PDB file of N, CA and C in Angstrom:
ATOM      1  N   MET A   1      72.769 -32.377  15.062  1.00  0.00           N
ATOM      2  CA  MET A   1      73.825 -31.605  14.413  1.00  0.00           C
ATOM      3  C   MET A   1      73.934 -31.812  12.897  1.00  0.00           C
ATOM      4  N   PRO A   2      73.708 -33.047  12.523  1.00  0.00           N
ATOM      5  CA  PRO A   2      73.810 -33.266  10.993  1.00  0.00           C
ATOM      6  C   PRO A   2      72.837 -32.429  10.239  1.00  0.00           C
ATOM      7  N   GLU A   3      71.608 -32.219  10.801  1.00  0.00           N
ATOM      8  CA  GLU A   3      70.718 -31.419  10.236  1.00  0.00           C
ATOM      9  C   GLU A   3      71.090 -29.940  10.109  1.00  0.00           C
ATOM     10  N   GLN A   4      71.706 -29.434  11.016  1.00  0.00           N
ATOM     11  CA  GLN A   4      72.314 -28.056  11.007  1.00  0.00           C
ATOM     12  C   GLN A   4      73.229 -27.967   9.934  1.00  0.00           C
ATOM     13  N   LYS A   5      74.096 -28.957   9.897  1.00  0.00           N
ATOM     14  CA  LYS A   5      75.187 -28.890   8.796  1.00  0.00           C
ATOM     15  C   LYS A   5      74.646 -28.911   7.493  1.00  0.00           C
ATOM     16  N   GLU A   6      73.619 -29.785   7.424  1.00  0.00           N
ATOM     17  CA  GLU A   6      72.933 -29.891   6.064  1.00  0.00           C
ATOM     18  C   GLU A   6      72.083 -28.577   5.681  1.00  0.00           C
ATOM     19  N   THR A   7      71.545 -27.959   6.688  1.00  0.00           N
ATOM     20  CA  THR A   7      70.906 -26.718   6.585  1.00  0.00           C
ATOM     21  C   THR A   7      71.840 -25.617   6.130  1.00  0.00           C
ATOM     22  N   PHE A   8      72.983 -25.569   6.841  1.00  0.00           N
ATOM     23  CA  PHE A   8      74.108 -24.608   6.486  1.00  0.00           C
ATOM     24  C   PHE A   8      74.672 -24.844   5.007  1.00  0.00           C
ATOM     25  N   SER A   9      74.770 -26.070   4.669  1.00  0.00           N
ATOM     26  CA  SER A   9      75.133 -26.421   3.410  1.00  0.00           C
ATOM     27  C   SER A   9      74.198 -25.826   2.259  1.00  0.00           C
ATOM     28  N   ARG A  10      72.912 -26.115   2.524  1.00  0.00           N
ATOM     29  CA  ARG A  10      71.923 -25.547   1.534  1.00  0.00           C
ATOM     30  C   ARG A  10      71.938 -23.972   1.471  1.00  0.00           C
ATOM     31  N   ILE A  11      72.070 -23.385   2.696  1.00  0.00           N
ATOM     32  CA  ILE A  11      72.282 -21.968   2.670  1.00  0.00           C
ATOM     33  C   ILE A  11      73.342 -21.476   1.995  1.00  0.00           C
ATOM     34  N   GLU A  12      74.597 -22.086   2.194  1.00  0.00           N
ATOM     35  CA  GLU A  12      75.771 -21.706   1.479  1.00  0.00           C
ATOM     36  C   GLU A  12      75.618 -21.830  -0.037  1.00  0.00           C
ATOM     37  N   GLU A  13      74.979 -22.965  -0.455  1.00  0.00           N
ATOM     38  CA  GLU A  13      74.806 -23.334  -1.855  1.00  0.00           C
ATOM     39  C   GLU A  13      73.836 -22.172  -2.538  1.00  0.00           C
ATOM     40  N   LYS A  14      72.685 -21.828  -1.743  1.00  0.00           N
ATOM     41  CA  LYS A  14      71.817 -20.854  -2.141  1.00  0.00           C
ATOM     42  C   LYS A  14      72.570 -19.567  -2.273  1.00  0.00           C
ATOM     43  N   LEU A  15      73.408 -19.248  -1.256  1.00  0.00           N
ATOM     44  CA  LEU A  15      74.010 -17.891  -1.290  1.00  0.00           C
ATOM     45  C   LEU A  15      75.060 -17.886  -2.389  1.00  0.00           C
ATOM     46  N   GLY A  16      75.644 -18.952  -2.812  1.00  0.00           N
ATOM     47  CA  GLY A  16      76.520 -18.974  -4.023  1.00  0.00           C
ATOM     48  C   GLY A  16      75.735 -18.843  -5.258  1.00  0.00           C
ATOM     49  N   LEU A  17      74.645 -19.361  -5.411  1.00  0.00           N
ATOM     50  CA  LEU A  17      73.802 -19.193  -6.480  1.00  0.00           C
ATOM     51  C   LEU A  17      73.349 -17.683  -6.721  1.00  0.00           C
ATOM     52  N   LEU A  18      72.901 -17.070  -5.546  1.00  0.00           N
ATOM     53  CA  LEU A  18      72.482 -15.759  -5.539  1.00  0.00           C
ATOM     54  C   LEU A  18      73.648 -14.847  -5.943  1.00  0.00           C
ATOM     55  N   THR A  19      74.869 -15.076  -5.304  1.00  0.00           N
ATOM     56  CA  THR A  19      76.031 -14.330  -5.568  1.00  0.00           C
ATOM     57  C   THR A  19      76.338 -14.406  -7.099  1.00  0.00           C
ATOM     58  N   SER A  20      76.291 -15.554  -7.746  1.00  0.00           N
ATOM     59  CA  SER A  20      76.409 -15.829  -9.112  1.00  0.00           C
ATOM     60  C   SER A  20      75.565 -15.003 -10.081  1.00  0.00           C
ATOM     61  N   LYS A  21      74.166 -15.229  -9.645  1.00  0.00           N
ATOM     62  CA  LYS A  21      73.247 -14.439 -10.299  1.00  0.00           C
ATOM     63  C   LYS A  21      73.407 -12.943 -10.251  1.00  0.00           C
ATOM     64  N   LEU A  22      73.806 -12.355  -9.085  1.00  0.00           N
ATOM     65  CA  LEU A  22      73.957 -11.039  -8.937  1.00  0.00           C
ATOM     66  C   LEU A  22      75.124 -10.585  -9.804  1.00  0.00           C
ATOM     67  N   ARG A  23      76.146 -11.331  -9.942  1.00  0.00           N
ATOM     68  CA  ARG A  23      77.163 -10.872 -10.905  1.00  0.00           C
ATOM     69  C   ARG A  23      76.731 -10.852 -12.375  1.00  0.00           C
ATOM     70  N   ASP A  24      75.977 -11.961 -12.687  1.00  0.00           N
ATOM     71  CA  ASP A  24      75.440 -11.982 -13.977  1.00  0.00           C
ATOM     72  C   ASP A  24      74.559 -10.657 -14.284  1.00  0.00           C
ATOM     73  N   VAL A  25      73.661 -10.331 -13.375  1.00  0.00           N
ATOM     74  CA  VAL A  25      72.826  -9.224 -13.406  1.00  0.00           C
ATOM     75  C   VAL A  25      73.656  -7.942 -13.600  1.00  0.00           C
ATOM     76  N   LYS A  26      74.668  -7.822 -12.888  1.00  0.00           N
ATOM     77  CA  LYS A  26      75.559  -6.681 -12.911  1.00  0.00           C
ATOM     78  C   LYS A  26      76.206  -6.454 -14.251  1.00  0.00           C
ATOM     79  N   ARG A  27      76.718  -7.704 -14.727  1.00  0.00           N
ATOM     80  CA  ARG A  27      77.233  -7.735 -16.160  1.00  0.00           C
ATOM     81  C   ARG A  27      76.258  -7.236 -17.194  1.00  0.00           C
ATOM     82  N   GLU A  28      75.152  -7.822 -17.029  1.00  0.00           N
ATOM     83  CA  GLU A  28      74.022  -7.549 -18.049  1.00  0.00           C
ATOM     84  C   GLU A  28      73.631  -5.996 -17.905  1.00  0.00           C
ATOM     85  N   ASN A  29      73.538  -5.523 -16.688  1.00  0.00           N
ATOM     86  CA  ASN A  29      73.287  -4.146 -16.438  1.00  0.00           C
ATOM     87  C   ASN A  29      74.224  -3.237 -17.093  1.00  0.00           C
ATOM     88  N   GLU A  30      75.621  -3.534 -16.937  1.00  0.00           N
ATOM     89  CA  GLU A  30      76.600  -2.793 -17.605  1.00  0.00           C
ATOM     90  C   GLU A  30      76.546  -2.740 -19.008  1.00  0.00           C
ATOM     91  N   LYS A  31      76.258  -3.915 -19.560  1.00  0.00           N
ATOM     92  CA  LYS A  31      76.004  -4.088 -20.977  1.00  0.00           C
ATOM     93  C   LYS A  31      74.935  -3.211 -21.505  1.00  0.00           C
ATOM     94  N   MET A  32      73.870  -3.200 -20.886  1.00  0.00           N
ATOM     95  CA  MET A  32      72.632  -2.502 -21.282  1.00  0.00           C
ATOM     96  C   MET A  32      72.897  -0.972 -21.124  1.00  0.00           C
ATOM     97  N   ARG A  33      73.725  -0.563 -20.049  1.00  0.00           N
ATOM     98  CA  ARG A  33      74.025   0.789 -20.056  1.00  0.00           C
ATOM     99  C   ARG A  33      74.991   1.245 -21.066  1.00  0.00           C
ATOM    100  N   LYS A  34      75.827   0.459 -21.559  1.00  0.00           N
ATOM    101  CA  LYS A  34      76.689   0.770 -22.646  1.00  0.00           C
ATOM    102  C   LYS A  34      75.879   0.837 -24.066  1.00  0.00           C
ATOM    103  N   GLU A  35      74.918  -0.069 -24.169  1.00  0.00           N
ATOM    104  CA  GLU A  35      74.040  -0.127 -25.311  1.00  0.00           C
ATOM    105  C   GLU A  35      73.186   1.154 -25.377  1.00  0.00           C
ATOM    106  N   LEU A  36      72.755   1.544 -24.209  1.00  0.00           N
ATOM    107  CA  LEU A  36      71.956   2.818 -24.056  1.00  0.00           C
ATOM    108  C   LEU A  36      72.777   4.084 -24.374  1.00  0.00           C
ATOM    109  N   GLU A  37      73.992   4.096 -23.964  1.00  0.00           N
ATOM    110  CA  GLU A  37      74.872   5.166 -24.231  1.00  0.00           C
ATOM    111  C   GLU A  37      75.125   5.211 -25.714  1.00  0.00           C
ATOM    112  N   ASP A  38      75.358   4.023 -26.436  1.00  0.00           N
ATOM    113  CA  ASP A  38      75.557   4.014 -27.894  1.00  0.00           C
ATOM    114  C   ASP A  38      74.337   4.489 -28.631  1.00  0.00           C
ATOM    115  N   LYS A  39      73.166   4.084 -28.168  1.00  0.00           N
ATOM    116  CA  LYS A  39      71.921   4.524 -28.719  1.00  0.00           C
ATOM    117  C   LYS A  39      71.690   6.010 -28.617  1.00  0.00           C
ATOM    118  N   LYS A  40      72.139   6.558 -27.510  1.00  0.00           N
ATOM    119  CA  LYS A  40      72.008   8.005 -27.365  1.00  0.00           C
ATOM    120  C   LYS A  40      72.876   8.745 -28.274  1.00  0.00           C
ATOM    121  N   LEU A  41      74.067   8.304 -28.483  1.00  0.00           N
ATOM    122  CA  LEU A  41      74.980   8.866 -29.534  1.00  0.00           C
ATOM    123  C   LEU A  41      74.480   8.819 -30.843  1.00  0.00           C
ATOM    124  N   GLN A  42      73.963   7.643 -31.173  1.00  0.00           N
ATOM    125  CA  GLN A  42      73.293   7.538 -32.564  1.00  0.00           C
ATOM    126  C   GLN A  42      72.119   8.467 -32.637  1.00  0.00           C
ATOM    127  N   TRP A  43      71.346   8.622 -31.640  1.00  0.00           N
ATOM    128  CA  TRP A  43      70.237   9.566 -31.673  1.00  0.00           C
ATOM    129  C   TRP A  43      70.692  10.933 -31.806  1.00  0.00           C
ATOM    130  N   ASP A  44      71.786  11.357 -31.207  1.00  0.00           N
ATOM    131  CA  ASP A  44      72.303  12.677 -31.241  1.00  0.00           C
ATOM    132  C   ASP A  44      72.771  12.990 -32.813  1.00  0.00           C
ATOM    133  N   GLU A  45      73.543  11.928 -33.231  1.00  0.00           N
ATOM    134  CA  GLU A  45      74.010  12.089 -34.598  1.00  0.00           C
ATOM    135  C   GLU A  45      72.797  12.217 -35.671  1.00  0.00           C
ATOM    136  N   LEU A  46      71.851  11.353 -35.599  1.00  0.00           N
ATOM    137  CA  LEU A  46      70.666  11.424 -36.490  1.00  0.00           C
ATOM    138  C   LEU A  46      69.923  12.696 -36.285  1.00  0.00           C
ATOM    139  N   LYS A  47      69.885  13.215 -35.025  1.00  0.00           N
ATOM    140  CA  LYS A  47      69.186  14.433 -34.830  1.00  0.00           C
ATOM    141  C   LYS A  47      69.959  15.665 -35.477  1.00  0.00           C
ATOM    142  N   THR A  48      71.288  15.728 -35.295  1.00  0.00           N
ATOM    143  CA  THR A  48      72.143  16.642 -35.923  1.00  0.00           C
ATOM    144  C   THR A  48      71.988  16.604 -37.489  1.00  0.00           C
ATOM    145  N   LYS A  49      72.068  15.364 -38.018  1.00  0.00           N
ATOM    146  CA  LYS A  49      71.884  15.153 -39.494  1.00  0.00           C
ATOM    147  C   LYS A  49      70.563  15.660 -39.980  1.00  0.00           C
ATOM    148  N   ASN A  50      69.539  15.348 -39.275  1.00  0.00           N
ATOM    149  CA  ASN A  50      68.159  15.699 -39.608  1.00  0.00           C
ATOM    150  C   ASN A  50      68.073  17.267 -39.569  1.00  0.00           C
ATOM    151  N   GLU A  51      68.625  17.964 -38.581  1.00  0.00           N
ATOM    152  CA  GLU A  51      68.667  19.407 -38.494  1.00  0.00           C
ATOM    153  C   GLU A  51      69.345  19.939 -39.639  1.00  0.00           C
ATOM    154  N   GLN A  52      70.499  19.415 -40.062  1.00  0.00           N
ATOM    155  CA  GLN A  52      71.253  19.893 -41.177  1.00  0.00           C
ATOM    156  C   GLN A  52      70.529  19.801 -42.499  1.00  0.00           C
ATOM    157  N   MET A  53      69.681  18.548 -42.663  1.00  0.00           N
ATOM    158  CA  MET A  53      69.028  18.452 -43.777  1.00  0.00           C
ATOM    159  C   MET A  53      67.792  19.314 -43.898  1.00  0.00           C
ATOM    160  N   GLU A  54      67.196  19.669 -42.751  1.00  0.00           N
ATOM    161  CA  GLU A  54      66.127  20.541 -42.820  1.00  0.00           C
ATOM    162  C   GLU A  54      66.513  21.942 -43.089  1.00  0.00           C
ATOM    163  N   LEU A  55      67.792  22.354 -42.642  1.00  0.00           N
ATOM    164  CA  LEU A  55      68.375  23.546 -42.957  1.00  0.00           C
ATOM    165  C   LEU A  55      68.633  23.658 -44.564  1.00  0.00           C
ATOM    166  N   GLN A  56      69.168  22.601 -45.017  1.00  0.00           N
ATOM    167  CA  GLN A  56      69.481  22.506 -46.479  1.00  0.00           C
ATOM    168  C   GLN A  56      68.098  22.698 -47.258  1.00  0.00           C
ATOM    169  N   MET A  57      67.130  21.958 -46.890  1.00  0.00           N
ATOM    170  CA  MET A  57      65.870  22.084 -47.554  1.00  0.00           C
ATOM    171  C   MET A  57      65.279  23.409 -47.450  1.00  0.00           C
ATOM    172  N   ASN A  58      65.384  24.108 -46.352  1.00  0.00           N
ATOM    173  CA  ASN A  58      64.830  25.496 -46.362  1.00  0.00           C
ATOM    174  C   ASN A  58      65.684  26.353 -47.196  1.00  0.00           C
ATOM    175  N   LEU A  59      66.975  26.079 -47.187  1.00  0.00           N
ATOM    176  CA  LEU A  59      67.855  26.966 -48.165  1.00  0.00           C
ATOM    177  C   LEU A  59      67.415  26.796 -49.462  1.00  0.00           C
ATOM    178  N   LEU A  60      67.173  25.518 -49.927  1.00  0.00           N
ATOM    179  CA  LEU A  60      66.866  25.245 -51.272  1.00  0.00           C
ATOM    180  C   LEU A  60      65.442  25.963 -51.675  1.00  0.00           C
ATOM    181  N   ARG A  61      64.636  25.623 -50.677  1.00  0.00           N
ATOM    182  CA  ARG A  61      63.215  26.374 -50.865  1.00  0.00           C
ATOM    183  C   ARG A  61      63.248  27.756 -51.043  1.00  0.00           C
ATOM    184  N   ASN A  62      64.147  28.466 -50.140  1.00  0.00           N
ATOM    185  CA  ASN A  62      64.122  29.977 -50.061  1.00  0.00           C
ATOM    186  C   ASN A  62      65.153  30.573 -51.067  1.00  0.00           C
ATOM    187  N   GLY A  63      66.132  29.680 -51.422  1.00  0.00           N
ATOM    188  CA  GLY A  63      67.206  30.073 -52.180  1.00  0.00           C
ATOM    189  C   GLY A  63      66.822  30.312 -53.623  1.00  0.00           C
ATOM    190  N   GLU A  64      67.774  30.840 -54.434  1.00  0.00           N
ATOM    191  CA  GLU A  64      67.513  30.924 -55.872  1.00  0.00           C
ATOM    192  C   GLU A  64      68.407  29.927 -56.528  1.00  0.00           C
ATOM    193  N   SER A  65      67.859  29.434 -57.533  1.00  0.00           N
ATOM    194  CA  SER A  65      68.852  28.611 -58.550  1.00  0.00           C
ATOM    195  C   SER A  65      69.345  29.615 -59.563  1.00  0.00           C
ATOM    196  N   GLY A  66      70.263  29.208 -60.285  1.00  0.00           N
ATOM    197  CA  GLY A  66      70.800  30.100 -61.378  1.00  0.00           C
ATOM    198  C   GLY A  66      69.782  30.571 -62.299  1.00  0.00           C
ATOM    199  N   ASP A  67      68.805  29.745 -62.737  1.00  0.00           N
ATOM    200  CA  ASP A  67      67.818  30.245 -63.632  1.00  0.00           C
ATOM    201  C   ASP A  67      66.978  31.222 -62.983  1.00  0.00           C
ATOM    202  N   ALA A  68      66.658  31.073 -61.688  1.00  0.00           N
ATOM    203  CA  ALA A  68      65.691  32.034 -60.879  1.00  0.00           C
ATOM    204  C   ALA A  68      66.472  33.348 -60.728  1.00  0.00           C
ATOM    205  N   LYS A  69      67.697  33.209 -60.556  1.00  0.00           N
ATOM    206  CA  LYS A  69      68.445  34.506 -60.373  1.00  0.00           C
ATOM    207  C   LYS A  69      68.555  35.294 -61.553  1.00  0.00           C
ATOM    208  N   THR A  70      68.686  34.558 -62.645  1.00  0.00           N
ATOM    209  CA  THR A  70      68.730  35.227 -64.069  1.00  0.00           C
ATOM    210  C   THR A  70      67.425  35.855 -64.365  1.00  0.00           C
ATOM    211  N   SER A  71      66.349  35.174 -64.059  1.00  0.00           N
ATOM    212  CA  SER A  71      65.030  35.603 -64.230  1.00  0.00           C
ATOM    213  C   SER A  71      64.681  36.899 -63.392  1.00  0.00           C
ATOM    214  N   LYS A  72      65.190  36.917 -62.227  1.00  0.00           N
ATOM    215  CA  LYS A  72      65.024  37.946 -61.347  1.00  0.00           C
ATOM    216  C   LYS A  72      65.893  39.320 -61.914  1.00  0.00           C
ATOM    217  N   LEU A  73      66.999  39.004 -62.318  1.00  0.00           N
ATOM    218  CA  LEU A  73      67.733  40.138 -62.954  1.00  0.00           C
ATOM    219  C   LEU A  73      67.139  40.760 -64.164  1.00  0.00           C
ATOM    220  N   VAL A  74      66.590  39.885 -65.058  1.00  0.00           N
ATOM    221  CA  VAL A  74      65.781  40.313 -66.172  1.00  0.00           C
ATOM    222  C   VAL A  74      64.576  41.024 -65.838  1.00  0.00           C
ATOM    223  N   LEU A  75      63.884  40.532 -64.866  1.00  0.00           N
ATOM    224  CA  LEU A  75      62.625  41.264 -64.424  1.00  0.00           C
ATOM    225  C   LEU A  75      62.951  42.635 -63.914  1.00  0.00           C
ATOM    226  N   GLU A  76      64.051  42.672 -62.991  1.00  0.00           N
ATOM    227  CA  GLU A  76      64.488  44.085 -62.445  1.00  0.00           C
ATOM    228  C   GLU A  76      64.910  44.929 -63.522  1.00  0.00           C
ATOM    229  N   LYS A  77      65.521  44.369 -64.588  1.00  0.00           N
ATOM    230  CA  LYS A  77      65.942  45.434 -65.679  1.00  0.00           C
ATOM    231  C   LYS A  77      64.659  45.839 -66.332  1.00  0.00           C
ATOM    232  N   LYS A  78      63.702  45.066 -66.564  1.00  0.00           N
ATOM    233  CA  LYS A  78      62.484  45.442 -67.255  1.00  0.00           C
ATOM    234  C   LYS A  78      61.672  46.466 -66.406  1.00  0.00           C
ATOM    235  N   ILE A  79      61.650  46.199 -65.024  1.00  0.00           N
ATOM    236  CA  ILE A  79      60.958  47.220 -64.277  1.00  0.00           C
ATOM    237  C   ILE A  79      61.750  48.489 -64.252  1.00  0.00           C
ATOM    238  N   ASN A  80      63.028  48.527 -64.062  1.00  0.00           N
ATOM    239  CA  ASN A  80      63.687  49.717 -64.285  1.00  0.00           C
ATOM    240  C   ASN A  80      63.506  50.422 -65.566  1.00  0.00           C
ATOM    241  N   ASP A  81      63.446  49.759 -66.630  1.00  0.00           N
ATOM    242  CA  ASP A  81      63.125  50.296 -68.005  1.00  0.00           C
ATOM    243  C   ASP A  81      61.745  50.945 -67.966  1.00  0.00           C
ATOM    244  N   TYR A  82      60.782  50.339 -67.393  1.00  0.00           N
ATOM    245  CA  TYR A  82      59.444  50.835 -67.240  1.00  0.00           C
ATOM    246  C   TYR A  82      59.392  52.072 -66.476  1.00  0.00           C
ATOM    247  N   ILE A  83      60.185  52.081 -65.381  1.00  0.00           N
ATOM    248  CA  ILE A  83      60.214  53.336 -64.541  1.00  0.00           C
ATOM    249  C   ILE A  83      60.851  54.475 -65.318  1.00  0.00           C
ATOM    250  N   LYS A  84      61.801  54.200 -65.988  1.00  0.00           N
ATOM    251  CA  LYS A  84      62.483  55.314 -66.839  1.00  0.00           C
ATOM    252  C   LYS A  84      61.502  55.811 -67.907  1.00  0.00           C
ATOM    253  N   GLU A  85      60.760  54.942 -68.531  1.00  0.00           N
ATOM    254  CA  GLU A  85      59.806  55.413 -69.520  1.00  0.00           C
ATOM    255  C   GLU A  85      58.689  56.210 -68.870  1.00  0.00           C
ATOM    256  N   ILE A  86      58.193  55.729 -67.687  1.00  0.00           N
ATOM    257  CA  ILE A  86      57.112  56.444 -67.036  1.00  0.00           C
ATOM    258  C   ILE A  86      57.638  57.880 -66.534  1.00  0.00           C
ATOM    259  N   ASP A  87      58.852  57.891 -66.071  1.00  0.00           N
ATOM    260  CA  ASP A  87      59.497  59.285 -65.712  1.00  0.00           C
ATOM    261  C   ASP A  87      59.613  60.158 -66.992  1.00  0.00           C
ATOM    262  N   ARG A  88      59.951  59.561 -68.142  1.00  0.00           N
ATOM    263  CA  ARG A  88      60.002  60.361 -69.358  1.00  0.00           C
ATOM    264  C   ARG A  88      58.644  60.882 -69.799  1.00  0.00           C
ATOM    265  N   CYS A  89      57.597  60.012 -69.647  1.00  0.00           N
ATOM    266  CA  CYS A  89      56.329  60.364 -70.024  1.00  0.00           C
ATOM    267  C   CYS A  89      55.785  61.503 -69.036  1.00  0.00           C
ATOM    268  N   ILE A  90      55.998  61.425 -67.808  1.00  0.00           N
ATOM    269  CA  ILE A  90      55.687  62.419 -66.805  1.00  0.00           C
ATOM    270  C   ILE A  90      56.387  63.779 -67.139  1.00  0.00           C
ATOM    271  N   ALA A  91      57.629  63.703 -67.460  1.00  0.00           N
ATOM    272  CA  ALA A  91      58.341  64.781 -67.730  1.00  0.00           C
ATOM    273  C   ALA A  91      57.689  65.548 -69.108  1.00  0.00           C
ATOM    274  N   LEU A  92      57.389  64.740 -70.160  1.00  0.00           N
ATOM    275  CA  LEU A  92      56.745  65.253 -71.374  1.00  0.00           C
ATOM    276  C   LEU A  92      55.400  65.861 -71.021  1.00  0.00           C
ATOM    277  N   LEU A  93      54.569  65.227 -70.108  1.00  0.00           N
ATOM    278  CA  LEU A  93      53.262  65.858 -69.671  1.00  0.00           C
ATOM    279  C   LEU A  93      53.484  67.090 -68.984  1.00  0.00           C
ATOM    280  N   GLY A  94      54.583  67.247 -68.114  1.00  0.00           N
ATOM    281  CA  GLY A  94      54.856  68.445 -67.402  1.00  0.00           C
ATOM    282  C   GLY A  94      55.256  69.605 -68.315  1.00  0.00           C
ATOM    283  N   ASP A  95      55.964  69.208 -69.542  1.00  0.00           N
ATOM    284  CA  ASP A  95      56.278  70.276 -70.461  1.00  0.00           C
ATOM    285  C   ASP A  95      55.076  70.796 -71.189  1.00  0.00           C
ATOM    286  N   GLN A  96      54.126  69.973 -71.352  1.00  0.00           N
ATOM    287  CA  GLN A  96      52.884  70.383 -72.078  1.00  0.00           C
ATOM    288  C   GLN A  96      52.088  71.551 -71.305  1.00  0.00           C
ATOM    289  N   HIS A  97      52.155  71.567 -70.114  1.00  0.00           N
ATOM    290  CA  HIS A  97      51.226  72.374 -69.320  1.00  0.00           C
ATOM    291  C   HIS A  97      51.942  73.705 -68.928  1.00  0.00           C
TER     292      HIS A  97
END
């Protein structure tokens, strides 16, 4: 009988250790789940910021600055002046025939 008591004592001790380890693993698992969720949130924030920055870069590339807009307006005015002059020349040539 003493051997059985000793065996049961060892089994109880080992069960106690396993139970303790299981609690530790569960705590660690929960901690890691929380960290993973935090990383996912950070990833989503960084992804959103990246998309916003890409959009801004595209707008800057495709957009016009004040100088470019002014240059465009000057160019349009010159083209319109050339078109008027060409129309006047065509009218003069039409009058000659």
